[in-house]
Amino acid sequence: MTPIRAVSPRGVVTFGRAVAIPVGRASVVVVIVTVALIVVAAVATLSLGRLGIPLADLPGAVFGGAEGKEAFVLERLRGPRLAVAVGTGAALGLSGALFQTVTRNPLGSPDVIGLSAGAGAGAAVVALFLPGVLPVPVGALVGAVGAMALLYVSTGTGFRNPGRLIVAGIGVTAVSTAFTQYVVYAVERDRATALTAYLNGSLAARSWEHAATIWAVLLVVAPLVVLVAGRLVIGEMGDEVAAALGAEPARTRAVSVVLSVVLSAGAVSVAGPVAFIALTAPQIARRLTGGPGPHLVSAALVGALLLVLADLAAQQSPVPGNLPVGIYTLAVGGLYLGYLLTREWRKGSL
């Protein structure tokens, strides 16, 4: 494997001769600060509350082996949940950044265009009607691909027209949600109750198997994202320029959509359709870093931070009933979506 060189004076990270990715100084600062904030939020997740591990004992529990209550909290209660939150948030942030880049639309996220809803419908069908026959991630992937195929056909122009993409995506989301609600209604009441929590996006009762699933998806997809990252940067200059520079915009767009679907499906399979992380994380990352570019690493880290903070709020909230984490992301993301829609309408993009 060709080693990664250091950032050059021009701000480009190169992977041998095949890949060159522009990196700005602001992006490096955002990455460092976001990683630090994720660590702080992780410490808070493990230490706060009645079952939390005291701060003085946390380093020893994490690095030296935990026993008794500390082992239960770290190995079964909060440790797996934290690992799933970081991995799922990163996958959703990266998925949203890829889709928003190829559609050149800040509203083009898995939440808005129906990808998450389709993945949730596929996962629900497999989990309830085909348990033990197919893995839930396979059902989520099939549902996501089906939703994207329906979206592509229904717009009449593929993914090229942002306005049609949003309108068609709302329709695909409605159809997928209606189908999922039918599934909930059709199954036994106790199983439907458990499914409802999943469909809201939940990190409760996560295990290391869930963590292994989402991190395996990230490890498989990340190298492929690196290969298309440079072409995505060139693609932001327009299809004609990208084609002239050999970036193959149509092929790059297709590969990016597939990677986005796989990432979103992996996230849905372990945590359900967590709302709006994929929409907000890339936008926050872009505003923090400034300048053009998909800012894929920053978007992934911001997504991880947002989901860890939302899950921390879900665990420590005084609201009775232990609301799923998706309720919190839905409340914040809905406000942000309203802001984006208003801004795009004033700009004449809708």
Protein backbone atom coordinates (compact mmCIF):
# COMPACT_ATOMS: atom_id res chain seq x y z
CA MET A 1 0.00 0.00 0.00
CA THR A 2 1.34 3.42 -0.95
CA PRO A 3 1.95 5.60 2.12
CA ILE A 4 0.12 8.89 2.61
CA ARG A 5 2.36 11.91 2.26
CA ALA A 6 2.15 14.90 4.51
CA VAL A 7 0.07 17.91 3.55
CA SER A 8 1.96 19.85 0.95
CA PRO A 9 2.43 23.63 1.01
CA ARG A 10 -0.44 23.86 -1.46
CA GLY A 11 -2.78 22.05 0.96
CA VAL A 12 -3.09 18.74 -0.87
CA VAL A 13 -2.95 15.28 0.67
CA THR A 14 -1.78 12.69 -1.86
CA PHE A 15 -2.26 8.93 -1.85
CA GLY A 16 0.53 7.84 -4.16
CA ARG A 17 -0.04 9.17 -7.67
CA ALA A 18 -3.66 8.14 -7.97
CA VAL A 19 -5.44 10.39 -5.46
CA ALA A 20 -4.92 14.03 -4.52
CA ILE A 21 -7.32 15.69 -2.07
CA PRO A 22 -7.22 19.44 -1.33
CA VAL A 23 -7.06 20.17 2.40
CA GLY A 24 -7.49 23.64 3.88
CA ARG A 25 -6.05 24.84 7.16
CA ALA A 26 -9.56 25.53 8.49
CA SER A 27 -10.51 21.91 7.76
CA VAL A 28 -7.60 20.62 9.84
CA VAL A 29 -8.59 22.87 12.75
CA VAL A 30 -12.24 21.76 12.51
CA VAL A 31 -11.21 18.09 12.49
CA ILE A 32 -8.99 18.49 15.58
CA VAL A 33 -11.60 20.48 17.53
CA THR A 34 -14.43 18.11 16.56
CA VAL A 35 -12.44 15.04 17.63
CA ALA A 36 -11.74 16.72 20.97
CA LEU A 37 -15.44 17.48 21.44
CA ILE A 38 -16.36 13.88 20.60
CA VAL A 39 -13.96 12.70 23.31
CA VAL A 40 -15.51 15.12 25.81
CA ALA A 41 -19.03 13.97 24.89
CA ALA A 42 -17.94 10.34 25.16
CA VAL A 43 -16.54 10.91 28.64
CA ALA A 44 -19.80 12.59 29.65
CA THR A 45 -21.79 9.67 28.23
CA LEU A 46 -19.85 7.16 30.30
CA SER A 47 -19.65 9.18 33.52
CA LEU A 48 -22.90 11.10 33.99
CA GLY A 49 -26.01 9.83 35.73
CA ARG A 50 -26.74 7.36 38.49
CA LEU A 51 -25.03 4.48 36.67
CA GLY A 52 -22.14 6.56 35.38
CA ILE A 53 -18.52 5.64 36.05
CA PRO A 54 -16.83 8.31 38.24
CA LEU A 55 -14.32 10.42 36.33
CA ALA A 56 -11.48 9.38 38.63
CA ASP A 57 -12.15 5.71 37.85
CA LEU A 58 -12.90 6.09 34.14
CA PRO A 59 -9.33 5.86 32.76
CA GLY A 60 -8.65 2.72 34.76
CA ALA A 61 -11.95 1.17 33.68
CA VAL A 62 -11.32 1.90 30.01
CA PHE A 63 -7.63 0.98 29.82
CA GLY A 64 -7.04 -1.25 32.80
CA GLY A 65 -10.05 -3.50 32.86
CA ALA A 66 -13.36 -2.84 34.57
CA GLU A 67 -15.08 -4.97 37.19
CA GLY A 68 -18.52 -5.18 38.74
CA LYS A 69 -20.80 -2.23 38.02
CA GLU A 70 -18.15 -0.48 35.95
CA ALA A 71 -17.77 -3.53 33.71
CA PHE A 72 -21.54 -3.71 33.21
CA VAL A 73 -21.78 -0.02 32.28
CA LEU A 74 -18.75 -0.08 30.01
CA GLU A 75 -19.17 -3.44 28.32
CA ARG A 76 -22.93 -3.85 28.07
CA LEU A 77 -24.86 -0.67 28.88
CA ARG A 78 -23.13 2.45 27.58
CA GLY A 79 -19.95 1.30 25.84
CA PRO A 80 -21.64 -0.42 22.86
CA ARG A 81 -24.21 2.36 22.67
CA LEU A 82 -21.46 4.96 22.45
CA ALA A 83 -19.58 3.02 19.77
CA VAL A 84 -22.77 2.66 17.71
CA ALA A 85 -23.55 6.38 18.12
CA VAL A 86 -20.11 7.45 16.86
CA GLY A 87 -20.14 5.03 13.93
CA THR A 88 -23.74 5.73 12.93
CA GLY A 89 -23.30 9.50 13.15
CA ALA A 90 -20.16 9.32 11.03
CA ALA A 91 -21.87 7.14 8.42
CA LEU A 92 -24.86 9.47 8.18
CA GLY A 93 -22.71 12.59 8.00
CA LEU A 94 -20.58 11.06 5.25
CA SER A 95 -23.66 9.80 3.40
CA GLY A 96 -25.24 13.23 3.45
CA ALA A 97 -22.03 14.93 2.30
CA LEU A 98 -21.73 12.58 -0.68
CA PHE A 99 -25.33 13.05 -1.75
CA GLN A 100 -25.36 16.82 -1.30
CA THR A 101 -22.16 17.07 -3.33
CA VAL A 102 -23.33 15.04 -6.32
CA THR A 103 -26.76 16.70 -6.38
CA ARG A 104 -25.27 20.17 -5.67
CA ASN A 105 -28.20 20.70 -3.36
CA PRO A 106 -28.08 21.40 0.40
CA LEU A 107 -31.45 19.63 0.73
CA GLY A 108 -30.28 16.46 -1.00
CA SER A 109 -29.92 14.20 2.00
CA PRO A 110 -31.11 10.65 2.76
CA ASP A 111 -33.76 12.11 5.10
CA VAL A 112 -35.39 14.42 2.58
CA ILE A 113 -35.25 12.31 -0.58
CA GLY A 114 -36.59 9.09 0.92
CA LEU A 115 -33.44 6.98 1.25
CA SER A 116 -33.71 6.61 5.02
CA ALA A 117 -37.44 5.92 4.85
CA GLY A 118 -36.90 3.26 2.19
CA ALA A 119 -34.11 1.64 4.17
CA GLY A 120 -36.31 1.64 7.26
CA ALA A 121 -39.14 -0.04 5.36
CA GLY A 122 -36.81 -2.74 4.03
CA ALA A 123 -35.31 -3.36 7.45
CA ALA A 124 -38.78 -3.58 9.03
CA VAL A 125 -39.98 -6.17 6.53
CA VAL A 126 -36.92 -8.39 7.05
CA ALA A 127 -36.93 -8.03 10.83
CA LEU A 128 -40.62 -8.87 11.20
CA PHE A 129 -41.43 -11.27 8.37
CA LEU A 130 -38.09 -12.88 7.53
CA PRO A 131 -36.29 -13.20 10.88
CA GLY A 132 -33.34 -15.54 10.57
CA VAL A 133 -33.75 -15.76 6.79
CA LEU A 134 -32.03 -12.53 5.83
CA PRO A 135 -29.90 -10.16 7.92
CA VAL A 136 -31.52 -6.82 8.73
CA PRO A 137 -28.71 -4.88 6.96
CA VAL A 138 -29.61 -6.70 3.73
CA GLY A 139 -33.23 -5.62 4.07
CA ALA A 140 -32.17 -2.03 4.77
CA LEU A 141 -29.91 -2.02 1.72
CA VAL A 142 -32.64 -3.45 -0.53
CA GLY A 143 -35.14 -0.89 0.76
CA ALA A 144 -32.70 1.99 0.22
CA VAL A 145 -31.85 0.87 -3.30
CA GLY A 146 -35.55 0.47 -4.12
CA ALA A 147 -36.31 3.96 -2.83
CA MET A 148 -33.47 5.47 -4.87
CA ALA A 149 -34.58 3.62 -8.00
CA LEU A 150 -38.11 4.95 -7.54
CA LEU A 151 -36.75 8.46 -7.00
CA TYR A 152 -34.56 8.28 -10.10
CA VAL A 153 -37.46 7.21 -12.29
CA SER A 154 -40.07 9.54 -10.81
CA THR A 155 -38.07 12.75 -11.37
CA GLY A 156 -37.80 12.13 -15.10
CA THR A 157 -34.32 13.68 -15.08
CA GLY A 158 -32.47 11.41 -12.68
CA PHE A 159 -30.60 13.36 -10.01
CA ARG A 160 -29.91 16.44 -12.15
CA ASN A 161 -32.85 18.70 -11.24
CA PRO A 162 -32.72 19.80 -7.56
CA GLY A 163 -36.32 21.03 -7.45
CA ARG A 164 -37.76 17.81 -8.88
CA LEU A 165 -35.47 15.80 -6.61
CA ILE A 166 -36.91 17.37 -3.47
CA VAL A 167 -40.54 17.06 -4.61
CA ALA A 168 -40.11 13.45 -5.75
CA GLY A 169 -38.18 12.66 -2.56
CA ILE A 170 -41.05 13.86 -0.41
CA GLY A 171 -43.35 11.52 -2.35
CA VAL A 172 -40.96 8.57 -1.99
CA THR A 173 -40.68 9.27 1.74
CA ALA A 174 -44.47 9.33 2.08
CA VAL A 175 -44.88 6.04 0.21
CA SER A 176 -42.12 4.33 2.22
CA THR A 177 -43.49 5.63 5.52
CA ALA A 178 -47.02 4.52 4.64
CA PHE A 179 -45.74 1.05 3.79
CA THR A 180 -43.81 0.87 7.06
CA GLN A 181 -46.86 1.95 9.05
CA TYR A 182 -48.86 -0.79 7.34
CA VAL A 183 -46.24 -3.31 8.43
CA VAL A 184 -46.51 -2.01 12.00
CA TYR A 185 -50.28 -2.31 11.88
CA ALA A 186 -50.19 -5.81 10.40
CA VAL A 187 -47.94 -7.47 12.98
CA GLU A 188 -48.69 -8.42 16.56
CA ARG A 189 -49.03 -5.51 18.96
CA ASP A 190 -45.99 -6.36 21.12
CA ARG A 191 -43.71 -6.74 18.12
CA ALA A 192 -45.11 -3.55 16.60
CA THR A 193 -44.30 -1.62 19.78
CA ALA A 194 -40.67 -2.69 19.60
CA LEU A 195 -40.55 -1.81 15.90
CA THR A 196 -41.96 1.67 16.55
CA ALA A 197 -39.00 2.55 18.76
CA TYR A 198 -36.64 1.30 16.06
CA LEU A 199 -38.35 3.34 13.34
CA ASN A 200 -37.95 6.52 15.39
CA GLY A 201 -34.21 5.93 15.52
CA SER A 202 -32.98 4.38 18.75
CA LEU A 203 -29.65 3.51 20.34
CA ALA A 204 -31.15 1.73 23.34
CA ALA A 205 -30.00 -1.84 24.02
CA ARG A 206 -27.25 -1.73 21.42
CA SER A 207 -24.62 -4.46 21.50
CA TRP A 208 -21.05 -4.86 20.27
CA GLU A 209 -22.50 -6.75 17.29
CA HIS A 210 -24.32 -3.58 16.22
CA ALA A 211 -21.11 -1.61 16.68
CA ALA A 212 -19.16 -4.15 14.61
CA THR A 213 -21.74 -3.90 11.82
CA ILE A 214 -21.61 -0.12 11.38
CA TRP A 215 -17.83 0.07 11.77
CA ALA A 216 -17.40 -2.72 9.21
CA VAL A 217 -19.50 -0.67 6.77
CA LEU A 218 -17.32 2.38 7.43
CA LEU A 219 -14.08 0.42 6.99
CA VAL A 220 -15.27 -1.00 3.66
CA VAL A 221 -16.69 2.24 2.27
CA ALA A 222 -14.02 4.70 3.50
CA PRO A 223 -11.27 3.61 1.03
CA LEU A 224 -13.76 3.90 -1.83
CA VAL A 225 -14.74 7.38 -0.66
CA VAL A 226 -11.06 8.35 -0.69
CA LEU A 227 -10.83 7.24 -4.32
CA VAL A 228 -13.72 9.48 -5.43
CA ALA A 229 -13.02 12.45 -3.13
CA GLY A 230 -10.68 14.22 -5.52
CA ARG A 231 -13.10 13.78 -8.42
CA LEU A 232 -15.92 15.18 -6.30
CA VAL A 233 -13.88 18.34 -5.71
CA ILE A 234 -13.32 18.72 -9.46
CA GLY A 235 -16.99 17.95 -10.11
CA GLU A 236 -18.05 21.03 -8.15
CA MET A 237 -16.66 23.12 -11.04
CA GLY A 238 -19.31 21.67 -13.38
CA ASP A 239 -19.69 18.58 -15.53
CA GLU A 240 -17.98 20.07 -18.57
CA VAL A 241 -14.86 21.08 -16.67
CA ALA A 242 -14.82 17.77 -14.77
CA ALA A 243 -15.09 15.79 -18.00
CA ALA A 244 -12.32 17.83 -19.59
CA LEU A 245 -10.08 17.06 -16.61
CA GLY A 246 -10.84 13.34 -16.77
CA ALA A 247 -13.00 13.21 -13.63
CA GLU A 248 -15.82 11.28 -15.38
CA PRO A 249 -18.69 13.16 -13.66
CA ALA A 250 -21.47 10.70 -14.55
CA ARG A 251 -19.52 7.71 -13.28
CA THR A 252 -18.34 9.57 -10.17
CA ARG A 253 -21.91 10.61 -9.42
CA ALA A 254 -23.18 7.06 -9.74
CA VAL A 255 -20.46 5.64 -7.50
CA SER A 256 -21.05 8.35 -4.90
CA VAL A 257 -24.79 7.66 -4.81
CA VAL A 258 -24.14 3.94 -4.31
CA LEU A 259 -21.70 4.65 -1.47
CA SER A 260 -24.21 7.04 0.11
CA VAL A 261 -26.92 4.38 -0.07
CA VAL A 262 -24.66 1.74 1.54
CA LEU A 263 -23.67 4.10 4.37
CA SER A 264 -27.25 5.13 5.08
CA ALA A 265 -28.46 1.53 4.94
CA GLY A 266 -25.76 0.45 7.37
CA ALA A 267 -26.76 3.22 9.77
CA VAL A 268 -30.45 2.34 9.55
CA SER A 269 -29.73 -1.35 10.14
CA VAL A 270 -28.16 -0.69 13.56
CA ALA A 271 -30.00 2.40 14.80
CA GLY A 272 -33.11 2.82 12.69
CA PRO A 273 -33.75 5.88 10.50
CA VAL A 274 -32.21 8.55 12.74
CA ALA A 275 -33.52 11.82 11.36
CA PHE A 276 -31.64 14.81 9.99
CA ILE A 277 -28.04 13.96 10.94
CA ALA A 278 -27.29 13.39 7.25
CA LEU A 279 -28.89 16.72 6.38
CA THR A 280 -27.35 18.97 9.02
CA ALA A 281 -23.83 17.54 9.52
CA PRO A 282 -22.50 18.35 6.01
CA GLN A 283 -23.96 21.85 6.17
CA ILE A 284 -22.41 22.57 9.56
CA ALA A 285 -19.08 21.17 8.38
CA ARG A 286 -19.14 23.30 5.24
CA ARG A 287 -19.87 26.47 7.20
CA LEU A 288 -17.16 25.75 9.75
CA THR A 289 -14.48 24.93 7.21
CA GLY A 290 -15.45 27.45 4.54
CA GLY A 291 -14.58 27.33 0.88
CA PRO A 292 -15.57 24.80 -1.78
CA GLY A 293 -15.31 21.05 -1.47
CA PRO A 294 -17.36 18.23 0.02
CA HIS A 295 -15.45 18.27 3.36
CA LEU A 296 -16.12 14.57 3.81
CA VAL A 297 -13.99 13.97 6.91
CA SER A 298 -15.39 17.04 8.67
CA ALA A 299 -18.96 16.01 7.81
CA ALA A 300 -18.40 12.51 9.20
CA LEU A 301 -16.94 13.85 12.45
CA VAL A 302 -19.67 16.48 12.87
CA GLY A 303 -22.27 13.76 12.30
CA ALA A 304 -20.65 11.61 14.98
CA LEU A 305 -20.58 14.54 17.41
CA LEU A 306 -24.21 15.47 16.78
CA LEU A 307 -25.47 11.92 17.36
CA VAL A 308 -23.37 11.41 20.50
CA LEU A 309 -24.69 14.69 21.92
CA ALA A 310 -28.27 13.78 20.99
CA ASP A 311 -27.90 10.38 22.65
CA LEU A 312 -26.38 12.01 25.73
CA ALA A 313 -29.46 14.24 25.92
CA ALA A 314 -31.72 11.21 25.46
CA GLN A 315 -30.03 9.36 28.32
CA GLN A 316 -29.87 12.28 30.75
CA SER A 317 -33.15 14.02 29.90
CA PRO A 318 -35.65 14.33 32.77
CA VAL A 319 -38.47 13.58 30.31
CA PRO A 320 -40.07 10.29 31.39
CA GLY A 321 -40.20 7.33 29.03
CA ASN A 322 -36.61 7.36 27.71
CA LEU A 323 -37.46 8.87 24.35
CA PRO A 324 -35.54 7.48 21.35
CA VAL A 325 -32.60 9.54 20.16
CA GLY A 326 -34.37 10.09 16.83
CA ILE A 327 -36.96 12.27 18.58
CA TYR A 328 -34.23 14.72 19.60
CA THR A 329 -32.55 14.81 16.20
CA LEU A 330 -35.96 15.21 14.56
CA ALA A 331 -36.81 18.26 16.70
CA VAL A 332 -33.52 20.04 15.96
CA GLY A 333 -33.26 18.91 12.35
CA GLY A 334 -36.83 19.92 11.54
CA LEU A 335 -36.05 23.50 12.52
CA TYR A 336 -32.88 23.41 10.44
CA LEU A 337 -34.75 21.99 7.45
CA GLY A 338 -37.24 24.86 7.69
CA TYR A 339 -34.36 27.33 7.67
CA LEU A 340 -32.79 25.69 4.60
CA LEU A 341 -36.09 25.59 2.70
CA THR A 342 -36.68 29.27 3.43
CA ARG A 343 -33.18 30.22 2.34
CA GLU A 344 -33.35 28.20 -0.89
CA TRP A 345 -36.77 29.67 -1.69
CA ARG A 346 -35.46 33.22 -1.24
CA LYS A 347 -32.52 32.38 -3.51
CA GLY A 348 -34.93 31.08 -6.16
CA SER A 349 -33.52 27.54 -6.03
CA LEU A 350 -36.96 26.01 -5.32
